[in-house]
Amino acid sequence: MDNKLFVASLSFKIRDAELTEIFSSVGSVVSAKVILDRDGRSKGFGFVEMSNKDEADQAILKLNGSNQFGRDIVVNRQKAKESRPSYN
């Protein structure tokens, strides 16, 4: 989980390929996914998995607050999913 990142404030023009390209500048990208609504439009955030913790640290250091496609992006560690109570 230390190498998984949450990326927010993305330009609505950015898709998976552009997200991969941005993060490839600081290390090896395992996966990059922009979250889309059901009509195929970007929700303005996504997730990136770097190959290791050091590369994830570098991505946060170098890319958090950087201007990408006209917007200053936010890069943080992905938080663990909270378990939701089951209602039976």
PDB file of N, CA and C in Angstrom:
ATOM      1  N   MET A   1       0.818  -1.191   0.000  1.00  0.00           N
ATOM      2  CA  MET A   1       0.000   0.000   0.000  1.00  0.00           C
ATOM      3  C   MET A   1       0.868   1.265   0.000  1.00  0.00           C
ATOM      4  N   ASP A   2       2.124   1.141   0.450  1.00  0.00           N
ATOM      5  CA  ASP A   2       3.010   2.307   0.509  1.00  0.00           C
ATOM      6  C   ASP A   2       3.342   2.884  -0.861  1.00  0.00           C
ATOM      7  N   ASN A   3       3.111   2.121  -1.913  1.00  0.00           N
ATOM      8  CA  ASN A   3       3.441   2.607  -3.248  1.00  0.00           C
ATOM      9  C   ASN A   3       2.203   3.020  -4.045  1.00  0.00           C
ATOM     10  N   LYS A   4       1.039   3.070  -3.392  1.00  0.00           N
ATOM     11  CA  LYS A   4      -0.196   3.460  -4.074  1.00  0.00           C
ATOM     12  C   LYS A   4      -0.556   4.895  -3.715  1.00  0.00           C
ATOM     13  N   LEU A   5      -0.884   5.672  -4.739  1.00  0.00           N
ATOM     14  CA  LEU A   5      -1.134   7.101  -4.569  1.00  0.00           C
ATOM     15  C   LEU A   5      -2.534   7.496  -5.014  1.00  0.00           C
ATOM     16  N   PHE A   6      -3.076   8.481  -4.334  1.00  0.00           N
ATOM     17  CA  PHE A   6      -4.341   9.105  -4.702  1.00  0.00           C
ATOM     18  C   PHE A   6      -3.986  10.444  -5.338  1.00  0.00           C
ATOM     19  N   VAL A   7      -4.550  10.724  -6.505  1.00  0.00           N
ATOM     20  CA  VAL A   7      -4.250  11.959  -7.227  1.00  0.00           C
ATOM     21  C   VAL A   7      -5.554  12.715  -7.438  1.00  0.00           C
ATOM     22  N   ALA A   8      -5.603  13.961  -6.949  1.00  0.00           N
ATOM     23  CA  ALA A   8      -6.822  14.758  -7.043  1.00  0.00           C
ATOM     24  C   ALA A   8      -6.561  16.054  -7.794  1.00  0.00           C
ATOM     25  N   SER A   9      -7.643  16.742  -8.097  1.00  0.00           N
ATOM     26  CA  SER A   9      -7.617  18.028  -8.782  1.00  0.00           C
ATOM     27  C   SER A   9      -7.057  17.899 -10.203  1.00  0.00           C
ATOM     28  N   LEU A  10      -7.363  16.764 -10.828  1.00  0.00           N
ATOM     29  CA  LEU A  10      -6.900  16.524 -12.200  1.00  0.00           C
ATOM     30  C   LEU A  10      -7.741  17.323 -13.198  1.00  0.00           C
ATOM     31  N   SER A  11      -7.108  17.736 -14.268  1.00  0.00           N
ATOM     32  CA  SER A  11      -7.833  18.321 -15.387  1.00  0.00           C
ATOM     33  C   SER A  11      -8.771  17.255 -15.939  1.00  0.00           C
ATOM     34  N   PHE A  12      -9.943  17.669 -16.372  1.00  0.00           N
ATOM     35  CA  PHE A  12     -10.906  16.716 -16.916  1.00  0.00           C
ATOM     36  C   PHE A  12     -10.470  16.161 -18.267  1.00  0.00           C
ATOM     37  N   LYS A  13      -9.377  16.704 -18.835  1.00  0.00           N
ATOM     38  CA  LYS A  13      -8.835  16.209 -20.107  1.00  0.00           C
ATOM     39  C   LYS A  13      -7.929  14.998 -19.903  1.00  0.00           C
ATOM     40  N   ILE A  14      -7.428  14.816 -18.687  1.00  0.00           N
ATOM     41  CA  ILE A  14      -6.466  13.748 -18.420  1.00  0.00           C
ATOM     42  C   ILE A  14      -7.165  12.392 -18.388  1.00  0.00           C
ATOM     43  N   ARG A  15      -6.547  11.440 -19.079  1.00  0.00           N
ATOM     44  CA  ARG A  15      -7.010  10.050 -19.068  1.00  0.00           C
ATOM     45  C   ARG A  15      -5.863   9.178 -18.557  1.00  0.00           C
ATOM     46  N   ASP A  16      -6.042   7.875 -18.542  1.00  0.00           N
ATOM     47  CA  ASP A  16      -5.042   6.957 -17.993  1.00  0.00           C
ATOM     48  C   ASP A  16      -3.659   7.159 -18.620  1.00  0.00           C
ATOM     49  N   ALA A  17      -3.594   7.302 -19.937  1.00  0.00           N
ATOM     50  CA  ALA A  17      -2.306   7.433 -20.627  1.00  0.00           C
ATOM     51  C   ALA A  17      -1.553   8.685 -20.186  1.00  0.00           C
ATOM     52  N   GLU A  18      -2.261   9.797 -20.048  1.00  0.00           N
ATOM     53  CA  GLU A  18      -1.615  11.042 -19.614  1.00  0.00           C
ATOM     54  C   GLU A  18      -1.160  10.943 -18.155  1.00  0.00           C
ATOM     55  N   LEU A  19      -1.976  10.299 -17.328  1.00  0.00           N
ATOM     56  CA  LEU A  19      -1.615  10.115 -15.928  1.00  0.00           C
ATOM     57  C   LEU A  19      -0.353   9.260 -15.819  1.00  0.00           C
ATOM     58  N   THR A  20      -0.285   8.204 -16.612  1.00  0.00           N
ATOM     59  CA  THR A  20       0.908   7.350 -16.646  1.00  0.00           C
ATOM     60  C   THR A  20       2.120   8.162 -17.068  1.00  0.00           C
ATOM     61  N   GLU A  21       1.972   8.969 -18.097  1.00  0.00           N
ATOM     62  CA  GLU A  21       3.081   9.777 -18.604  1.00  0.00           C
ATOM     63  C   GLU A  21       3.589  10.757 -17.545  1.00  0.00           C
ATOM     64  N   ILE A  22       2.690  11.409 -16.844  1.00  0.00           N
ATOM     65  CA  ILE A  22       3.070  12.367 -15.796  1.00  0.00           C
ATOM     66  C   ILE A  22       3.911  11.673 -14.722  1.00  0.00           C
ATOM     67  N   PHE A  23       3.442  10.535 -14.243  1.00  0.00           N
ATOM     68  CA  PHE A  23       4.125   9.847 -13.148  1.00  0.00           C
ATOM     69  C   PHE A  23       5.354   9.069 -13.611  1.00  0.00           C
ATOM     70  N   SER A  24       5.439   8.743 -14.888  1.00  0.00           N
ATOM     71  CA  SER A  24       6.623   8.066 -15.417  1.00  0.00           C
ATOM     72  C   SER A  24       7.857   8.961 -15.347  1.00  0.00           C
ATOM     73  N   SER A  25       7.642  10.260 -15.222  1.00  0.00           N
ATOM     74  CA  SER A  25       8.775  11.185 -15.139  1.00  0.00           C
ATOM     75  C   SER A  25       9.545  11.029 -13.822  1.00  0.00           C
ATOM     76  N   VAL A  26       8.952  10.377 -12.822  1.00  0.00           N
ATOM     77  CA  VAL A  26       9.630  10.196 -11.539  1.00  0.00           C
ATOM     78  C   VAL A  26       9.911   8.739 -11.190  1.00  0.00           C
ATOM     79  N   GLY A  27       9.418   7.799 -11.984  1.00  0.00           N
ATOM     80  CA  GLY A  27       9.669   6.389 -11.694  1.00  0.00           C
ATOM     81  C   GLY A  27       8.834   5.470 -12.551  1.00  0.00           C
ATOM     82  N   SER A  28       8.863   4.211 -12.175  1.00  0.00           N
ATOM     83  CA  SER A  28       8.159   3.180 -12.936  1.00  0.00           C
ATOM     84  C   SER A  28       6.717   3.052 -12.444  1.00  0.00           C
ATOM     85  N   VAL A  29       5.776   3.253 -13.366  1.00  0.00           N
ATOM     86  CA  VAL A  29       4.352   3.197 -13.031  1.00  0.00           C
ATOM     87  C   VAL A  29       3.828   1.784 -13.265  1.00  0.00           C
ATOM     88  N   VAL A  30       3.255   1.185 -12.228  1.00  0.00           N
ATOM     89  CA  VAL A  30       2.655  -0.142 -12.338  1.00  0.00           C
ATOM     90  C   VAL A  30       1.268  -0.012 -12.960  1.00  0.00           C
ATOM     91  N   SER A  31       0.493   0.976 -12.468  1.00  0.00           N
ATOM     92  CA  SER A  31      -0.835   1.217 -13.016  1.00  0.00           C
ATOM     93  C   SER A  31      -1.240   2.661 -12.752  1.00  0.00           C
ATOM     94  N   ALA A  32      -2.106   3.176 -13.613  1.00  0.00           N
ATOM     95  CA  ALA A  32      -2.644   4.528 -13.452  1.00  0.00           C
ATOM     96  C   ALA A  32      -4.079   4.512 -13.956  1.00  0.00           C
ATOM     97  N   LYS A  33      -5.000   4.996 -13.136  1.00  0.00           N
ATOM     98  CA  LYS A  33      -6.417   4.936 -13.477  1.00  0.00           C
ATOM     99  C   LYS A  33      -7.106   6.233 -13.096  1.00  0.00           C
ATOM    100  N   VAL A  34      -7.681   6.897 -14.099  1.00  0.00           N
ATOM    101  CA  VAL A  34      -8.517   8.068 -13.865  1.00  0.00           C
ATOM    102  C   VAL A  34      -9.938   7.556 -13.670  1.00  0.00           C
ATOM    103  N   ILE A  35     -10.602   8.017 -12.633  1.00  0.00           N
ATOM    104  CA  ILE A  35     -11.958   7.563 -12.331  1.00  0.00           C
ATOM    105  C   ILE A  35     -12.950   8.354 -13.189  1.00  0.00           C
ATOM    106  N   LEU A  36     -13.835   7.609 -13.863  1.00  0.00           N
ATOM    107  CA  LEU A  36     -14.809   8.204 -14.776  1.00  0.00           C
ATOM    108  C   LEU A  36     -16.220   8.017 -14.237  1.00  0.00           C
ATOM    109  N   ASP A  37     -17.116   8.939 -14.607  1.00  0.00           N
ATOM    110  CA  ASP A  37     -18.526   8.745 -14.249  1.00  0.00           C
ATOM    111  C   ASP A  37     -19.150   7.796 -15.262  1.00  0.00           C
ATOM    112  N   ARG A  38     -20.413   7.496 -15.102  1.00  0.00           N
ATOM    113  CA  ARG A  38     -21.025   6.503 -15.991  1.00  0.00           C
ATOM    114  C   ARG A  38     -21.182   6.989 -17.425  1.00  0.00           C
ATOM    115  N   ASP A  39     -21.021   8.295 -17.648  1.00  0.00           N
ATOM    116  CA  ASP A  39     -21.064   8.839 -19.013  1.00  0.00           C
ATOM    117  C   ASP A  39     -19.679   8.927 -19.640  1.00  0.00           C
ATOM    118  N   GLY A  40     -18.655   8.441 -18.928  1.00  0.00           N
ATOM    119  CA  GLY A  40     -17.299   8.431 -19.466  1.00  0.00           C
ATOM    120  C   GLY A  40     -16.530   9.720 -19.261  1.00  0.00           C
ATOM    121  N   ARG A  41     -17.040  10.619 -18.412  1.00  0.00           N
ATOM    122  CA  ARG A  41     -16.333  11.873 -18.123  1.00  0.00           C
ATOM    123  C   ARG A  41     -15.510  11.696 -16.851  1.00  0.00           C
ATOM    124  N   SER A  42     -14.353  12.329 -16.838  1.00  0.00           N
ATOM    125  CA  SER A  42     -13.476  12.261 -15.673  1.00  0.00           C
ATOM    126  C   SER A  42     -14.146  12.884 -14.457  1.00  0.00           C
ATOM    127  N   LYS A  43     -13.919  12.255 -13.292  1.00  0.00           N
ATOM    128  CA  LYS A  43     -14.397  12.826 -12.037  1.00  0.00           C
ATOM    129  C   LYS A  43     -13.338  13.746 -11.420  1.00  0.00           C
ATOM    130  N   GLY A  44     -12.175  13.857 -12.065  1.00  0.00           N
ATOM    131  CA  GLY A  44     -11.135  14.768 -11.591  1.00  0.00           C
ATOM    132  C   GLY A  44     -10.177  14.169 -10.576  1.00  0.00           C
ATOM    133  N   PHE A  45     -10.226  12.834 -10.415  1.00  0.00           N
ATOM    134  CA  PHE A  45      -9.260  12.191  -9.531  1.00  0.00           C
ATOM    135  C   PHE A  45      -8.933  10.803 -10.057  1.00  0.00           C
ATOM    136  N   GLY A  46      -7.871  10.235  -9.504  1.00  0.00           N
ATOM    137  CA  GLY A  46      -7.464   8.911  -9.942  1.00  0.00           C
ATOM    138  C   GLY A  46      -6.484   8.279  -8.976  1.00  0.00           C
ATOM    139  N   PHE A  47      -5.948   7.145  -9.374  1.00  0.00           N
ATOM    140  CA  PHE A  47      -5.031   6.377  -8.539  1.00  0.00           C
ATOM    141  C   PHE A  47      -3.843   5.946  -9.371  1.00  0.00           C
ATOM    142  N   VAL A  48      -2.664   5.995  -8.761  1.00  0.00           N
ATOM    143  CA  VAL A  48      -1.433   5.572  -9.429  1.00  0.00           C
ATOM    144  C   VAL A  48      -0.697   4.626  -8.495  1.00  0.00           C
ATOM    145  N   GLU A  49      -0.199   3.537  -9.044  1.00  0.00           N
ATOM    146  CA  GLU A  49       0.647   2.625  -8.279  1.00  0.00           C
ATOM    147  C   GLU A  49       2.045   2.685  -8.859  1.00  0.00           C
ATOM    148  N   MET A  50       3.005   3.066  -8.036  1.00  0.00           N
ATOM    149  CA  MET A  50       4.404   3.099  -8.442  1.00  0.00           C
ATOM    150  C   MET A  50       5.022   1.746  -8.111  1.00  0.00           C
ATOM    151  N   SER A  51       6.215   1.466  -8.669  1.00  0.00           N
ATOM    152  CA  SER A  51       6.798   0.138  -8.477  1.00  0.00           C
ATOM    153  C   SER A  51       7.326  -0.099  -7.062  1.00  0.00           C
ATOM    154  N   ASN A  52       7.635   0.976  -6.317  1.00  0.00           N
ATOM    155  CA  ASN A  52       8.085   0.791  -4.936  1.00  0.00           C
ATOM    156  C   ASN A  52       7.831   2.049  -4.116  1.00  0.00           C
ATOM    157  N   LYS A  53       8.063   1.954  -2.813  1.00  0.00           N
ATOM    158  CA  LYS A  53       7.791   3.043  -1.880  1.00  0.00           C
ATOM    159  C   LYS A  53       8.643   4.273  -2.189  1.00  0.00           C
ATOM    160  N   ASP A  54       9.921   4.070  -2.524  1.00  0.00           N
ATOM    161  CA  ASP A  54      10.809   5.207  -2.808  1.00  0.00           C
ATOM    162  C   ASP A  54      10.319   6.025  -3.999  1.00  0.00           C
ATOM    163  N   GLU A  55       9.857   5.343  -5.038  1.00  0.00           N
ATOM    164  CA  GLU A  55       9.325   6.060  -6.206  1.00  0.00           C
ATOM    165  C   GLU A  55       8.026   6.776  -5.858  1.00  0.00           C
ATOM    166  N   ALA A  56       7.207   6.171  -5.007  1.00  0.00           N
ATOM    167  CA  ALA A  56       5.976   6.830  -4.561  1.00  0.00           C
ATOM    168  C   ALA A  56       6.332   8.089  -3.769  1.00  0.00           C
ATOM    169  N   ASP A  57       7.343   7.993  -2.900  1.00  0.00           N
ATOM    170  CA  ASP A  57       7.796   9.165  -2.135  1.00  0.00           C
ATOM    171  C   ASP A  57       8.263  10.276  -3.072  1.00  0.00           C
ATOM    172  N   GLN A  58       9.022   9.907  -4.105  1.00  0.00           N
ATOM    173  CA  GLN A  58       9.507  10.888  -5.080  1.00  0.00           C
ATOM    174  C   GLN A  58       8.352  11.531  -5.842  1.00  0.00           C
ATOM    175  N   ALA A  59       7.356  10.738  -6.176  1.00  0.00           N
ATOM    176  CA  ALA A  59       6.189  11.267  -6.895  1.00  0.00           C
ATOM    177  C   ALA A  59       5.466  12.306  -6.048  1.00  0.00           C
ATOM    178  N   ILE A  60       5.293  12.014  -4.758  1.00  0.00           N
ATOM    179  CA  ILE A  60       4.639  12.973  -3.867  1.00  0.00           C
ATOM    180  C   ILE A  60       5.476  14.244  -3.777  1.00  0.00           C
ATOM    181  N   LEU A  61       6.775  14.071  -3.562  1.00  0.00           N
ATOM    182  CA  LEU A  61       7.686  15.203  -3.408  1.00  0.00           C
ATOM    183  C   LEU A  61       7.719  16.095  -4.654  1.00  0.00           C
ATOM    184  N   LYS A  62       7.813  15.479  -5.825  1.00  0.00           N
ATOM    185  CA  LYS A  62       7.996  16.245  -7.064  1.00  0.00           C
ATOM    186  C   LYS A  62       6.698  16.676  -7.742  1.00  0.00           C
ATOM    187  N   LEU A  63       5.618  15.906  -7.569  1.00  0.00           N
ATOM    188  CA  LEU A  63       4.405  16.186  -8.341  1.00  0.00           C
ATOM    189  C   LEU A  63       3.278  16.842  -7.543  1.00  0.00           C
ATOM    190  N   ASN A  64       3.268  16.694  -6.227  1.00  0.00           N
ATOM    191  CA  ASN A  64       2.214  17.322  -5.430  1.00  0.00           C
ATOM    192  C   ASN A  64       2.321  18.842  -5.589  1.00  0.00           C
ATOM    193  N   GLY A  65       1.242  19.463  -6.037  1.00  0.00           N
ATOM    194  CA  GLY A  65       1.220  20.906  -6.256  1.00  0.00           C
ATOM    195  C   GLY A  65       1.733  21.341  -7.622  1.00  0.00           C
ATOM    196  N   SER A  66       2.180  20.372  -8.435  1.00  0.00           N
ATOM    197  CA  SER A  66       2.682  20.728  -9.771  1.00  0.00           C
ATOM    198  C   SER A  66       1.517  20.997 -10.718  1.00  0.00           C
ATOM    199  N   ASN A  67       1.763  21.844 -11.698  1.00  0.00           N
ATOM    200  CA  ASN A  67       0.725  22.199 -12.663  1.00  0.00           C
ATOM    201  C   ASN A  67       0.750  21.193 -13.810  1.00  0.00           C
ATOM    202  N   GLN A  68      -0.363  20.494 -13.985  1.00  0.00           N
ATOM    203  CA  GLN A  68      -0.500  19.501 -15.049  1.00  0.00           C
ATOM    204  C   GLN A  68      -1.774  19.797 -15.821  1.00  0.00           C
ATOM    205  N   PHE A  69      -1.629  20.107 -17.089  1.00  0.00           N
ATOM    206  CA  PHE A  69      -2.779  20.411 -17.954  1.00  0.00           C
ATOM    207  C   PHE A  69      -3.606  21.565 -17.376  1.00  0.00           C
ATOM    208  N   GLY A  70      -2.907  22.556 -16.798  1.00  0.00           N
ATOM    209  CA  GLY A  70      -3.579  23.757 -16.321  1.00  0.00           C
ATOM    210  C   GLY A  70      -4.143  23.697 -14.913  1.00  0.00           C
ATOM    211  N   ARG A  71      -3.897  22.609 -14.197  1.00  0.00           N
ATOM    212  CA  ARG A  71      -4.399  22.495 -12.813  1.00  0.00           C
ATOM    213  C   ARG A  71      -3.272  22.037 -11.899  1.00  0.00           C
ATOM    214  N   ASP A  72      -3.259  22.557 -10.682  1.00  0.00           N
ATOM    215  CA  ASP A  72      -2.291  22.119  -9.677  1.00  0.00           C
ATOM    216  C   ASP A  72      -2.819  20.846  -9.027  1.00  0.00           C
ATOM    217  N   ILE A  73      -2.140  19.731  -9.286  1.00  0.00           N
ATOM    218  CA  ILE A  73      -2.626  18.449  -8.783  1.00  0.00           C
ATOM    219  C   ILE A  73      -2.220  18.219  -7.328  1.00  0.00           C
ATOM    220  N   VAL A  74      -2.969  17.348  -6.678  1.00  0.00           N
ATOM    221  CA  VAL A  74      -2.703  16.946  -5.295  1.00  0.00           C
ATOM    222  C   VAL A  74      -2.345  15.463  -5.330  1.00  0.00           C
ATOM    223  N   VAL A  75      -1.195  15.129  -4.735  1.00  0.00           N
ATOM    224  CA  VAL A  75      -0.741  13.740  -4.714  1.00  0.00           C
ATOM    225  C   VAL A  75      -0.506  13.327  -3.266  1.00  0.00           C
ATOM    226  N   ASN A  76      -1.199  12.299  -2.823  1.00  0.00           N
ATOM    227  CA  ASN A  76      -1.074  11.760  -1.462  1.00  0.00           C
ATOM    228  C   ASN A  76      -1.035  10.243  -1.512  1.00  0.00           C
ATOM    229  N   ARG A  77      -0.640   9.653  -0.396  1.00  0.00           N
ATOM    230  CA  ARG A  77      -0.736   8.201  -0.284  1.00  0.00           C
ATOM    231  C   ARG A  77      -2.203   7.806  -0.293  1.00  0.00           C
ATOM    232  N   GLN A  78      -2.488   6.702  -0.923  1.00  0.00           N
ATOM    233  CA  GLN A  78      -3.850   6.174  -0.919  1.00  0.00           C
ATOM    234  C   GLN A  78      -4.144   5.635   0.471  1.00  0.00           C
ATOM    235  N   LYS A  79      -5.262   6.035   1.023  1.00  0.00           N
ATOM    236  CA  LYS A  79      -5.647   5.543   2.349  1.00  0.00           C
ATOM    237  C   LYS A  79      -6.320   4.190   2.206  1.00  0.00           C
ATOM    238  N   ALA A  80      -6.179   3.387   3.227  1.00  0.00           N
ATOM    239  CA  ALA A  80      -6.837   2.077   3.233  1.00  0.00           C
ATOM    240  C   ALA A  80      -8.344   2.279   3.229  1.00  0.00           C
ATOM    241  N   LYS A  81      -9.024   1.431   2.507  1.00  0.00           N
ATOM    242  CA  LYS A  81     -10.481   1.504   2.476  1.00  0.00           C
ATOM    243  C   LYS A  81     -11.039   1.216   3.864  1.00  0.00           C
ATOM    244  N   GLU A  82     -11.953   2.043   4.278  1.00  0.00           N
ATOM    245  CA  GLU A  82     -12.598   1.780   5.559  1.00  0.00           C
ATOM    246  C   GLU A  82     -13.639   0.692   5.354  1.00  0.00           C
ATOM    247  N   SER A  83     -13.699  -0.209   6.299  1.00  0.00           N
ATOM    248  CA  SER A  83     -14.716  -1.242   6.173  1.00  0.00           C
ATOM    249  C   SER A  83     -16.055  -0.658   6.546  1.00  0.00           C
ATOM    250  N   ARG A  84     -17.032  -0.952   5.756  1.00  0.00           N
ATOM    251  CA  ARG A  84     -18.381  -0.462   5.991  1.00  0.00           C
ATOM    252  C   ARG A  84     -19.169  -1.495   6.769  1.00  0.00           C
ATOM    253  N   PRO A  85     -19.971  -1.044   7.706  1.00  0.00           N
ATOM    254  CA  PRO A  85     -20.769  -2.020   8.449  1.00  0.00           C
ATOM    255  C   PRO A  85     -21.796  -2.679   7.537  1.00  0.00           C
ATOM    256  N   SER A  86     -22.023  -3.946   7.771  1.00  0.00           N
ATOM    257  CA  SER A  86     -23.042  -4.629   6.965  1.00  0.00           C
ATOM    258  C   SER A  86     -24.384  -4.533   7.691  1.00  0.00           C
ATOM    259  N   TYR A  87     -25.381  -4.206   6.937  1.00  0.00           N
ATOM    260  CA  TYR A  87     -26.741  -4.098   7.481  1.00  0.00           C
ATOM    261  C   TYR A  87     -27.549  -5.279   6.976  1.00  0.00           C
ATOM    262  N   ASN A  88     -27.766  -6.211   7.838  1.00  0.00           N
ATOM    263  CA  ASN A  88     -28.520  -7.412   7.427  1.00  0.00           C
ATOM    264  C   ASN A  88     -29.942  -7.355   7.860  1.00  0.00           C
TER     265      ASN A  88
END
